[in-house]
PDB file of N, CA and C in Angstrom:
ATOM      1  N   UNK A   1     -10.903  49.136   5.180  1.00  0.00           N
ATOM      2  CA  UNK A   1      -9.736  49.702   5.802  1.00  0.00           C
ATOM      3  C   UNK A   1      -8.583  48.876   5.691  1.00  0.00           C
ATOM      4  N   UNK A   2      -7.470  49.384   5.414  1.00  0.00           N
ATOM      5  CA  UNK A   2      -6.214  48.582   5.425  1.00  0.00           C
ATOM      6  C   UNK A   2      -5.210  49.035   6.360  1.00  0.00           C
ATOM      7  N   UNK A   3      -4.635  48.098   7.125  1.00  0.00           N
ATOM      8  CA  UNK A   3      -3.717  48.450   8.149  1.00  0.00           C
ATOM      9  C   UNK A   3      -2.494  47.540   8.002  1.00  0.00           C
ATOM     10  N   UNK A   4      -1.280  48.165   7.868  1.00  0.00           N
ATOM     11  CA  UNK A   4      -0.062  47.452   7.798  1.00  0.00           C
ATOM     12  C   UNK A   4       0.451  47.188   9.225  1.00  0.00           C
ATOM     13  N   UNK A   5       0.850  45.974   9.553  1.00  0.00           N
ATOM     14  CA  UNK A   5       1.297  45.632  10.935  1.00  0.00           C
ATOM     15  C   UNK A   5       2.516  44.835  10.753  1.00  0.00           C
ATOM     16  N   UNK A   6       3.530  45.246  11.482  1.00  0.00           N
ATOM     17  CA  UNK A   6       4.780  44.512  11.634  1.00  0.00           C
ATOM     18  C   UNK A   6       4.872  43.510  12.768  1.00  0.00           C
ATOM     19  N   UNK A   7       5.768  42.593  12.841  1.00  0.00           N
ATOM     20  CA  UNK A   7       5.866  41.724  13.998  1.00  0.00           C
ATOM     21  C   UNK A   7       6.411  42.453  15.147  1.00  0.00           C
ATOM     22  N   UNK A   8       6.033  42.046  16.319  1.00  0.00           N
ATOM     23  CA  UNK A   8       6.629  42.630  17.525  1.00  0.00           C
ATOM     24  C   UNK A   8       7.016  41.497  18.507  1.00  0.00           C
ATOM     25  N   UNK A   9       8.048  41.740  19.250  1.00  0.00           N
ATOM     26  CA  UNK A   9       8.481  40.822  20.330  1.00  0.00           C
ATOM     27  C   UNK A   9       8.829  41.673  21.472  1.00  0.00           C
ATOM     28  N   UNK A  10       8.436  41.240  22.713  1.00  0.00           N
ATOM     29  CA  UNK A  10       8.769  41.854  23.951  1.00  0.00           C
ATOM     30  C   UNK A  10       9.510  40.819  24.777  1.00  0.00           C
ATOM     31  N   UNK A  11      10.801  41.101  25.030  1.00  0.00           N
ATOM     32  CA  UNK A  11      11.682  40.111  25.767  1.00  0.00           C
ATOM     33  C   UNK A  11      11.558  38.675  25.113  1.00  0.00           C
ATOM     34  N   UNK A  12      11.576  38.633  23.780  1.00  0.00           N
ATOM     35  CA  UNK A  12      11.500  37.323  23.183  1.00  0.00           C
ATOM     36  C   UNK A  12      10.133  36.731  22.956  1.00  0.00           C
ATOM     37  N   UNK A  13       9.052  37.284  23.502  1.00  0.00           N
ATOM     38  CA  UNK A  13       7.753  36.774  23.379  1.00  0.00           C
ATOM     39  C   UNK A  13       7.012  37.457  22.203  1.00  0.00           C
ATOM     40  N   UNK A  14       6.600  36.764  21.141  1.00  0.00           N
ATOM     41  CA  UNK A  14       5.923  37.300  20.095  1.00  0.00           C
ATOM     42  C   UNK A  14       4.479  37.918  20.410  1.00  0.00           C
ATOM     43  N   UNK A  15       4.151  39.088  19.984  1.00  0.00           N
ATOM     44  CA  UNK A  15       3.003  39.691  20.223  1.00  0.00           C
ATOM     45  C   UNK A  15       2.070  39.807  18.961  1.00  0.00           C
ATOM     46  N   UNK A  16       0.957  39.108  18.823  1.00  0.00           N
ATOM     47  CA  UNK A  16       0.191  39.128  17.661  1.00  0.00           C
ATOM     48  C   UNK A  16      -0.666  40.344  17.451  1.00  0.00           C
ATOM     49  N   UNK A  17       0.076  41.456  17.057  1.00  0.00           N
ATOM     50  CA  UNK A  17      -0.541  42.733  16.973  1.00  0.00           C
ATOM     51  C   UNK A  17      -1.799  42.706  15.976  1.00  0.00           C
ATOM     52  N   UNK A  18      -1.601  42.013  14.793  1.00  0.00           N
ATOM     53  CA  UNK A  18      -2.717  41.971  13.867  1.00  0.00           C
ATOM     54  C   UNK A  18      -3.929  41.323  14.475  1.00  0.00           C
ATOM     55  N   UNK A  19      -3.865  40.274  15.269  1.00  0.00           N
ATOM     56  CA  UNK A  19      -4.990  39.584  15.878  1.00  0.00           C
ATOM     57  C   UNK A  19      -5.646  40.538  16.957  1.00  0.00           C
ATOM     58  N   UNK A  20      -4.896  41.282  17.677  1.00  0.00           N
ATOM     59  CA  UNK A  20      -5.376  42.211  18.608  1.00  0.00           C
ATOM     60  C   UNK A  20      -6.124  43.319  17.949  1.00  0.00           C
ATOM     61  N   UNK A  21      -5.693  43.891  16.844  1.00  0.00           N
ATOM     62  CA  UNK A  21      -6.359  44.869  16.245  1.00  0.00           C
ATOM     63  C   UNK A  21      -7.645  44.400  15.577  1.00  0.00           C
ATOM     64  N   UNK A  22      -7.633  43.281  15.055  1.00  0.00           N
ATOM     65  CA  UNK A  22      -8.875  42.601  14.443  1.00  0.00           C
ATOM     66  C   UNK A  22      -9.878  42.456  15.534  1.00  0.00           C
ATOM     67  N   UNK A  23      -9.473  41.801  16.676  1.00  0.00           N
ATOM     68  CA  UNK A  23     -10.429  41.692  17.762  1.00  0.00           C
ATOM     69  C   UNK A  23     -10.981  42.934  18.293  1.00  0.00           C
ATOM     70  N   UNK A  24     -10.163  44.034  18.484  1.00  0.00           N
ATOM     71  CA  UNK A  24     -10.607  45.291  18.950  1.00  0.00           C
ATOM     72  C   UNK A  24     -11.606  45.929  17.981  1.00  0.00           C
ATOM     73  N   UNK A  25     -11.246  45.867  16.683  1.00  0.00           N
ATOM     74  CA  UNK A  25     -12.122  46.540  15.715  1.00  0.00           C
ATOM     75  C   UNK A  25     -13.453  45.822  15.507  1.00  0.00           C
ATOM     76  N   UNK A  26     -13.601  44.579  15.796  1.00  0.00           N
ATOM     77  CA  UNK A  26     -14.822  43.872  15.695  1.00  0.00           C
ATOM     78  C   UNK A  26     -15.975  44.452  16.662  1.00  0.00           C
ATOM     79  N   UNK A  27     -15.373  44.975  17.742  1.00  0.00           N
ATOM     80  CA  UNK A  27     -16.365  45.692  18.659  1.00  0.00           C
ATOM     81  C   UNK A  27     -16.931  46.931  18.166  1.00  0.00           C
ATOM     82  N   UNK A  28     -16.361  47.431  17.078  1.00  0.00           N
ATOM     83  CA  UNK A  28     -16.788  48.703  16.474  1.00  0.00           C
ATOM     84  C   UNK A  28     -17.484  48.357  15.037  1.00  0.00           C
ATOM     85  N   UNK A  29     -17.947  47.186  14.896  1.00  0.00           N
ATOM     86  CA  UNK A  29     -18.704  46.651  13.699  1.00  0.00           C
ATOM     87  C   UNK A  29     -17.846  46.738  12.419  1.00  0.00           C
ATOM     88  N   UNK A  30     -16.541  46.283  12.601  1.00  0.00           N
ATOM     89  CA  UNK A  30     -15.766  46.066  11.425  1.00  0.00           C
ATOM     90  C   UNK A  30     -15.563  44.553  11.295  1.00  0.00           C
ATOM     91  N   UNK A  31     -15.585  44.142  10.045  1.00  0.00           N
ATOM     92  CA  UNK A  31     -15.454  42.627   9.670  1.00  0.00           C
ATOM     93  C   UNK A  31     -14.107  42.441   9.014  1.00  0.00           C
ATOM     94  N   UNK A  32     -13.411  41.353   9.520  1.00  0.00           N
ATOM     95  CA  UNK A  32     -12.094  41.058   8.973  1.00  0.00           C
ATOM     96  C   UNK A  32     -12.321  40.290   7.641  1.00  0.00           C
ATOM     97  N   UNK A  33     -11.754  40.781   6.619  1.00  0.00           N
ATOM     98  CA  UNK A  33     -11.907  40.093   5.290  1.00  0.00           C
ATOM     99  C   UNK A  33     -10.787  39.236   5.141  1.00  0.00           C
ATOM    100  N   UNK A  34      -9.523  39.595   5.210  1.00  0.00           N
ATOM    101  CA  UNK A  34      -8.380  38.779   4.851  1.00  0.00           C
ATOM    102  C   UNK A  34      -7.180  39.414   5.444  1.00  0.00           C
ATOM    103  N   UNK A  35      -6.122  38.627   5.715  1.00  0.00           N
ATOM    104  CA  UNK A  35      -4.777  39.199   6.091  1.00  0.00           C
ATOM    105  C   UNK A  35      -3.807  38.700   5.086  1.00  0.00           C
ATOM    106  N   UNK A  36      -3.174  39.590   4.365  1.00  0.00           N
ATOM    107  CA  UNK A  36      -2.036  39.311   3.472  1.00  0.00           C
ATOM    108  C   UNK A  36      -0.686  39.362   4.221  1.00  0.00           C
ATOM    109  N   UNK A  37       0.162  38.350   4.005  1.00  0.00           N
ATOM    110  CA  UNK A  37       1.520  38.349   4.694  1.00  0.00           C
ATOM    111  C   UNK A  37       2.571  38.524   3.597  1.00  0.00           C
ATOM    112  N   UNK A  38       3.401  39.420   3.844  1.00  0.00           N
ATOM    113  CA  UNK A  38       4.448  39.718   2.918  1.00  0.00           C
ATOM    114  C   UNK A  38       5.838  39.461   3.643  1.00  0.00           C
ATOM    115  N   UNK A  39       6.747  38.697   2.970  1.00  0.00           N
ATOM    116  CA  UNK A  39       8.046  38.227   3.539  1.00  0.00           C
ATOM    117  C   UNK A  39       8.975  39.456   3.261  1.00  0.00           C
ATOM    118  N   UNK A  40       9.578  39.994   4.304  1.00  0.00           N
ATOM    119  CA  UNK A  40      10.607  41.136   4.327  1.00  0.00           C
ATOM    120  C   UNK A  40      11.944  40.384   4.199  1.00  0.00           C
ATOM    121  N   UNK A  41      12.696  40.819   3.223  1.00  0.00           N
ATOM    122  CA  UNK A  41      13.936  40.178   2.859  1.00  0.00           C
ATOM    123  C   UNK A  41      15.143  40.769   3.636  1.00  0.00           C
ATOM    124  N   UNK A  42      15.198  42.074   3.840  1.00  0.00           N
ATOM    125  CA  UNK A  42      16.504  42.652   4.335  1.00  0.00           C
ATOM    126  C   UNK A  42      16.239  43.827   5.414  1.00  0.00           C
ATOM    127  N   UNK A  43      15.203  43.809   6.153  1.00  0.00           N
ATOM    128  CA  UNK A  43      14.945  44.828   7.018  1.00  0.00           C
ATOM    129  C   UNK A  43      15.366  44.455   8.471  1.00  0.00           C
ATOM    130  N   UNK A  44      16.102  45.307   9.124  1.00  0.00           N
ATOM    131  CA  UNK A  44      16.617  45.054  10.426  1.00  0.00           C
ATOM    132  C   UNK A  44      15.871  45.928  11.518  1.00  0.00           C
ATOM    133  N   UNK A  45      15.734  45.315  12.757  1.00  0.00           N
ATOM    134  CA  UNK A  45      15.208  46.227  13.820  1.00  0.00           C
ATOM    135  C   UNK A  45      16.402  46.980  14.350  1.00  0.00           C
ATOM    136  N   UNK A  46      16.064  48.017  15.125  1.00  0.00           N
ATOM    137  CA  UNK A  46      17.134  48.729  15.902  1.00  0.00           C
ATOM    138  C   UNK A  46      17.885  47.826  16.772  1.00  0.00           C
ATOM    139  N   UNK A  47      19.141  48.195  16.980  1.00  0.00           N
ATOM    140  CA  UNK A  47      19.964  47.258  17.805  1.00  0.00           C
ATOM    141  C   UNK A  47      19.713  47.553  19.254  1.00  0.00           C
ATOM    142  N   UNK A  48      19.454  46.454  19.954  1.00  0.00           N
ATOM    143  CA  UNK A  48      19.327  46.502  21.438  1.00  0.00           C
ATOM    144  C   UNK A  48      20.087  45.295  22.033  1.00  0.00           C
ATOM    145  N   UNK A  49      20.311  45.331  23.288  1.00  0.00           N
ATOM    146  CA  UNK A  49      20.834  44.160  23.996  1.00  0.00           C
ATOM    147  C   UNK A  49      19.795  43.051  24.241  1.00  0.00           C
ATOM    148  N   UNK A  50      18.580  43.514  24.237  1.00  0.00           N
ATOM    149  CA  UNK A  50      17.487  42.456  24.550  1.00  0.00           C
ATOM    150  C   UNK A  50      17.163  41.741  23.342  1.00  0.00           C
ATOM    151  N   UNK A  51      16.940  42.432  22.212  1.00  0.00           N
ATOM    152  CA  UNK A  51      16.507  41.661  21.013  1.00  0.00           C
ATOM    153  C   UNK A  51      17.669  41.621  20.026  1.00  0.00           C
ATOM    154  N   UNK A  52      18.806  41.030  20.417  1.00  0.00           N
ATOM    155  CA  UNK A  52      19.995  40.911  19.576  1.00  0.00           C
ATOM    156  C   UNK A  52      19.693  40.126  18.305  1.00  0.00           C
ATOM    157  N   UNK A  53      20.157  40.683  17.107  1.00  0.00           N
ATOM    158  CA  UNK A  53      19.953  40.062  15.819  1.00  0.00           C
ATOM    159  C   UNK A  53      18.479  39.678  15.466  1.00  0.00           C
ATOM    160  N   UNK A  54      17.551  40.447  15.952  1.00  0.00           N
ATOM    161  CA  UNK A  54      16.201  40.184  15.665  1.00  0.00           C
ATOM    162  C   UNK A  54      15.735  40.965  14.458  1.00  0.00           C
ATOM    163  N   UNK A  55      15.278  40.155  13.451  1.00  0.00           N
ATOM    164  CA  UNK A  55      14.891  40.762  12.162  1.00  0.00           C
ATOM    165  C   UNK A  55      13.412  40.693  12.012  1.00  0.00           C
ATOM    166  N   UNK A  56      12.873  41.613  11.236  1.00  0.00           N
ATOM    167  CA  UNK A  56      11.433  41.649  10.940  1.00  0.00           C
ATOM    168  C   UNK A  56      11.299  40.649   9.709  1.00  0.00           C
ATOM    169  N   UNK A  57      10.580  39.566  10.003  1.00  0.00           N
ATOM    170  CA  UNK A  57      10.515  38.486   8.961  1.00  0.00           C
ATOM    171  C   UNK A  57       9.303  38.709   7.956  1.00  0.00           C
ATOM    172  N   UNK A  58       8.241  39.107   8.562  1.00  0.00           N
ATOM    173  CA  UNK A  58       6.995  39.410   7.709  1.00  0.00           C
ATOM    174  C   UNK A  58       6.277  40.605   8.201  1.00  0.00           C
ATOM    175  N   UNK A  59       5.492  41.096   7.266  1.00  0.00           N
ATOM    176  CA  UNK A  59       4.653  42.280   7.423  1.00  0.00           C
ATOM    177  C   UNK A  59       3.337  41.967   7.066  1.00  0.00           C
ATOM    178  N   UNK A  60       2.277  42.276   7.796  1.00  0.00           N
ATOM    179  CA  UNK A  60       0.890  41.854   7.547  1.00  0.00           C
ATOM    180  C   UNK A  60       0.028  43.005   7.111  1.00  0.00           C
ATOM    181  N   UNK A  61      -0.728  42.747   6.049  1.00  0.00           N
ATOM    182  CA  UNK A  61      -1.721  43.762   5.668  1.00  0.00           C
ATOM    183  C   UNK A  61      -3.149  43.221   6.072  1.00  0.00           C
ATOM    184  N   UNK A  62      -3.740  43.954   6.990  1.00  0.00           N
ATOM    185  CA  UNK A  62      -5.074  43.500   7.558  1.00  0.00           C
ATOM    186  C   UNK A  62      -6.126  44.168   6.645  1.00  0.00           C
ATOM    187  N   UNK A  63      -7.085  43.501   6.170  1.00  0.00           N
ATOM    188  CA  UNK A  63      -8.142  44.160   5.372  1.00  0.00           C
ATOM    189  C   UNK A  63      -9.415  43.899   6.117  1.00  0.00           C
ATOM    190  N   UNK A  64     -10.090  45.126   6.391  1.00  0.00           N
ATOM    191  CA  UNK A  64     -11.346  45.104   7.191  1.00  0.00           C
ATOM    192  C   UNK A  64     -12.387  45.871   6.411  1.00  0.00           C
ATOM    193  N   UNK A  65     -13.653  45.652   6.627  1.00  0.00           N
ATOM    194  CA  UNK A  65     -14.738  46.470   6.093  1.00  0.00           C
ATOM    195  C   UNK A  65     -15.885  46.636   7.157  1.00  0.00           C
ATOM    196  N   UNK A  66     -16.588  47.745   6.921  1.00  0.00           N
ATOM    197  CA  UNK A  66     -17.795  48.018   7.885  1.00  0.00           C
ATOM    198  C   UNK A  66     -18.873  47.022   7.618  1.00  0.00           C
ATOM    199  N   UNK A  67     -19.588  46.735   8.661  1.00  0.00           N
ATOM    200  CA  UNK A  67     -20.852  45.937   8.631  1.00  0.00           C
ATOM    201  C   UNK A  67     -21.882  46.619   7.805  1.00  0.00           C
TER     202      UNK A  67
END
């Protein structure tokens, strides 16, 4: 299984979504093989007053397989 995950921040606190997904899927007999990290050059998040000038820096490709 391949899952693309972007970075997330809530009020400035980074949320490790890829780690959360990996931990959750382990309970369903999935094994984490590897996570590839791709650097995003010019993608912007939507404009808000809370996350001003926040850019998506990386995107993660999580690779899992069934036991």
